[in-house]
Amino acid sequence: MGRDCQAAVICSGFGGFYSGSTPMHSAMANMTVLSKRYCAVHKGFMIVPQVCGFFVDLANAVIIQSFLNWFA
């Protein structure tokens, strides 16, 4: 992701997604705080919700289906 402010905001979004009880809320809160404090990053607010919301759901569907087929 690089070593700039944009990379820090995106990393904080992914960190909030993987550590929160309500993942997207903590991811957006982390990114908002860093964006307001240090720099305005618009790309992070486009990437993180799409990756966390869409791609992870597709991966979960495939993984759950494969485990069900494996154990059944």
N, C-alpha and C. Protein backbone atom coordinates (compact mmCIF):
# COMPACT_ATOMS: atom_id res chain seq x y z
N MET A 1 0.81 -1.19 0.00
CA MET A 1 0.00 0.00 0.00
C MET A 1 0.85 1.25 0.00
N GLY A 2 2.09 1.14 0.33
CA GLY A 2 2.96 2.30 0.33
C GLY A 2 3.30 2.77 1.73
N ARG A 3 3.92 3.96 1.77
CA ARG A 3 4.33 4.53 3.06
C ARG A 3 3.85 5.97 3.20
N ASP A 4 2.66 6.22 2.74
CA ASP A 4 2.15 7.58 2.84
C ASP A 4 0.90 7.61 3.71
N CYS A 5 0.28 8.76 3.76
CA CYS A 5 -0.90 8.94 4.60
C CYS A 5 -2.06 8.08 4.11
N GLN A 6 -2.18 7.92 2.83
CA GLN A 6 -3.24 7.10 2.26
C GLN A 6 -3.10 5.65 2.71
N ALA A 7 -1.89 5.13 2.74
CA ALA A 7 -1.67 3.76 3.19
C ALA A 7 -2.01 3.61 4.67
N ALA A 8 -1.70 4.61 5.47
CA ALA A 8 -2.02 4.54 6.90
C ALA A 8 -3.53 4.51 7.12
N VAL A 9 -4.26 5.29 6.36
CA VAL A 9 -5.72 5.32 6.50
C VAL A 9 -6.33 3.99 6.07
N ILE A 10 -5.86 3.43 4.97
CA ILE A 10 -6.39 2.15 4.50
C ILE A 10 -6.05 1.04 5.49
N CYS A 11 -4.83 1.04 6.01
CA CYS A 11 -4.45 0.03 7.01
C CYS A 11 -5.29 0.15 8.27
N SER A 12 -5.59 1.37 8.69
CA SER A 12 -6.43 1.53 9.88
C SER A 12 -7.85 1.04 9.61
N GLY A 13 -8.32 1.19 8.39
CA GLY A 13 -9.64 0.67 8.03
C GLY A 13 -9.69 -0.84 8.08
N PHE A 14 -8.65 -1.48 7.53
CA PHE A 14 -8.61 -2.94 7.59
C PHE A 14 -8.42 -3.43 9.02
N GLY A 15 -7.64 -2.71 9.80
CA GLY A 15 -7.48 -3.07 11.21
C GLY A 15 -8.77 -2.94 11.98
N GLY A 16 -9.53 -1.91 11.71
CA GLY A 16 -10.82 -1.75 12.36
C GLY A 16 -11.81 -2.81 11.93
N PHE A 17 -11.71 -3.23 10.69
CA PHE A 17 -12.61 -4.27 10.20
C PHE A 17 -12.34 -5.60 10.89
N TYR A 18 -11.08 -5.92 11.07
CA TYR A 18 -10.75 -7.22 11.64
C TYR A 18 -10.76 -7.25 13.15
N SER A 19 -10.87 -6.11 13.82
CA SER A 19 -10.84 -6.12 15.28
C SER A 19 -12.15 -5.70 15.93
N GLY A 20 -13.11 -5.23 15.17
CA GLY A 20 -14.31 -4.68 15.77
C GLY A 20 -15.45 -5.67 15.90
N SER A 21 -16.34 -5.39 16.82
CA SER A 21 -17.53 -6.22 16.96
C SER A 21 -18.54 -5.86 15.88
N THR A 22 -18.60 -4.61 15.52
CA THR A 22 -19.37 -4.20 14.34
C THR A 22 -18.33 -3.69 13.33
N PRO A 23 -17.84 -4.57 12.47
CA PRO A 23 -16.64 -4.31 11.70
C PRO A 23 -16.64 -3.05 10.85
N MET A 24 -17.69 -2.82 10.07
CA MET A 24 -17.64 -1.66 9.19
C MET A 24 -17.71 -0.36 9.96
N HIS A 25 -18.38 -0.36 11.09
CA HIS A 25 -18.46 0.87 11.89
C HIS A 25 -17.10 1.22 12.47
N SER A 26 -16.37 0.22 12.98
CA SER A 26 -15.05 0.53 13.52
C SER A 26 -14.06 0.87 12.43
N ALA A 27 -14.18 0.25 11.27
CA ALA A 27 -13.30 0.57 10.16
C ALA A 27 -13.52 2.01 9.70
N MET A 28 -14.76 2.40 9.53
CA MET A 28 -15.06 3.76 9.09
C MET A 28 -14.67 4.78 10.15
N ALA A 29 -14.86 4.43 11.42
CA ALA A 29 -14.47 5.35 12.50
C ALA A 29 -12.96 5.55 12.52
N ASN A 30 -12.20 4.47 12.38
CA ASN A 30 -10.74 4.59 12.35
C ASN A 30 -10.28 5.45 11.18
N MET A 31 -10.83 5.20 10.02
CA MET A 31 -10.42 5.96 8.83
C MET A 31 -10.83 7.42 8.94
N THR A 32 -12.00 7.68 9.50
CA THR A 32 -12.46 9.05 9.64
C THR A 32 -11.57 9.85 10.57
N VAL A 33 -11.18 9.25 11.69
CA VAL A 33 -10.33 9.96 12.65
C VAL A 33 -8.98 10.29 12.02
N LEU A 34 -8.37 9.33 11.34
CA LEU A 34 -7.08 9.60 10.71
C LEU A 34 -7.21 10.61 9.57
N SER A 35 -8.27 10.53 8.81
CA SER A 35 -8.45 11.48 7.70
C SER A 35 -8.66 12.90 8.20
N LYS A 36 -9.42 13.05 9.27
CA LYS A 36 -9.65 14.40 9.81
C LYS A 36 -8.41 14.97 10.47
N ARG A 37 -7.61 14.09 11.07
CA ARG A 37 -6.47 14.58 11.82
C ARG A 37 -5.26 14.86 10.94
N TYR A 38 -4.98 14.00 9.97
CA TYR A 38 -3.74 14.13 9.22
C TYR A 38 -3.94 14.52 7.76
N CYS A 39 -4.78 13.82 7.03
CA CYS A 39 -4.94 14.13 5.61
C CYS A 39 -6.28 13.59 5.13
N ALA A 40 -6.79 14.19 4.09
CA ALA A 40 -8.06 13.74 3.51
C ALA A 40 -7.75 12.68 2.45
N VAL A 41 -8.25 11.48 2.69
CA VAL A 41 -8.02 10.37 1.77
C VAL A 41 -9.37 9.86 1.29
N HIS A 42 -9.61 9.98 0.00
CA HIS A 42 -10.89 9.55 -0.54
C HIS A 42 -10.82 8.13 -1.07
N LYS A 43 -9.64 7.71 -1.52
CA LYS A 43 -9.50 6.38 -2.08
C LYS A 43 -9.74 5.30 -1.02
N GLY A 44 -9.32 5.54 0.20
CA GLY A 44 -9.52 4.58 1.27
C GLY A 44 -10.99 4.34 1.57
N PHE A 45 -11.78 5.39 1.49
CA PHE A 45 -13.21 5.24 1.74
C PHE A 45 -13.93 4.55 0.59
N MET A 46 -13.26 4.41 -0.55
CA MET A 46 -13.82 3.65 -1.67
C MET A 46 -13.37 2.19 -1.62
N ILE A 47 -12.13 1.94 -1.20
CA ILE A 47 -11.56 0.60 -1.26
C ILE A 47 -12.02 -0.27 -0.11
N VAL A 48 -11.90 0.21 1.11
CA VAL A 48 -12.15 -0.62 2.29
C VAL A 48 -13.58 -1.15 2.37
N PRO A 49 -14.61 -0.32 2.19
CA PRO A 49 -15.97 -0.88 2.26
C PRO A 49 -16.25 -1.91 1.16
N GLN A 50 -15.71 -1.69 -0.03
CA GLN A 50 -15.95 -2.65 -1.10
C GLN A 50 -15.26 -3.97 -0.83
N VAL A 51 -14.02 -3.92 -0.41
CA VAL A 51 -13.28 -5.15 -0.14
C VAL A 51 -13.88 -5.89 1.05
N CYS A 52 -14.12 -5.16 2.11
CA CYS A 52 -14.63 -5.79 3.34
C CYS A 52 -16.07 -6.25 3.18
N GLY A 53 -16.86 -5.51 2.49
CA GLY A 53 -18.27 -5.86 2.37
C GLY A 53 -18.59 -6.85 1.28
N PHE A 54 -17.90 -6.76 0.17
CA PHE A 54 -18.26 -7.58 -0.99
C PHE A 54 -17.39 -8.82 -1.11
N PHE A 55 -16.08 -8.62 -1.18
CA PHE A 55 -15.19 -9.75 -1.42
C PHE A 55 -15.13 -10.72 -0.25
N VAL A 56 -15.20 -10.21 0.95
CA VAL A 56 -15.18 -11.09 2.12
C VAL A 56 -16.45 -11.92 2.18
N ASP A 57 -17.58 -11.35 1.83
CA ASP A 57 -18.83 -12.12 1.81
C ASP A 57 -18.79 -13.23 0.76
N LEU A 58 -18.22 -12.94 -0.40
CA LEU A 58 -18.09 -13.98 -1.42
C LEU A 58 -17.14 -15.08 -0.96
N ALA A 59 -16.04 -14.70 -0.35
CA ALA A 59 -15.09 -15.70 0.14
C ALA A 59 -15.72 -16.55 1.24
N ASN A 60 -16.49 -15.93 2.13
CA ASN A 60 -17.16 -16.68 3.19
C ASN A 60 -18.15 -17.68 2.62
N ALA A 61 -18.87 -17.31 1.59
CA ALA A 61 -19.83 -18.23 0.98
C ALA A 61 -19.12 -19.45 0.39
N VAL A 62 -18.01 -19.23 -0.28
CA VAL A 62 -17.26 -20.33 -0.87
C VAL A 62 -16.65 -21.21 0.22
N ILE A 63 -16.09 -20.61 1.25
CA ILE A 63 -15.45 -21.38 2.31
C ILE A 63 -16.47 -22.19 3.09
N ILE A 64 -17.58 -21.59 3.43
CA ILE A 64 -18.62 -22.31 4.18
C ILE A 64 -19.17 -23.47 3.36
N GLN A 65 -19.40 -23.24 2.08
CA GLN A 65 -19.91 -24.31 1.22
C GLN A 65 -18.91 -25.45 1.10
N SER A 66 -17.63 -25.12 1.00
CA SER A 66 -16.64 -26.19 0.88
C SER A 66 -16.52 -26.98 2.19
N PHE A 67 -16.62 -26.32 3.32
CA PHE A 67 -16.59 -27.05 4.59
C PHE A 67 -17.84 -27.93 4.76
N LEU A 68 -18.97 -27.44 4.35
CA LEU A 68 -20.17 -28.25 4.44
C LEU A 68 -20.07 -29.48 3.55
N ASN A 69 -19.53 -29.32 2.36
CA ASN A 69 -19.35 -30.47 1.47
C ASN A 69 -18.30 -31.44 1.99
N TRP A 70 -17.28 -30.91 2.64
CA TRP A 70 -16.19 -31.74 3.15
C TRP A 70 -16.64 -32.58 4.35
N PHE A 71 -17.42 -31.97 5.24
CA PHE A 71 -17.86 -32.68 6.44
C PHE A 71 -19.12 -33.51 6.23
N ALA A 72 -19.84 -33.28 5.17
CA ALA A 72 -21.11 -34.01 4.96
C ALA A 72 -20.90 -35.34 4.30
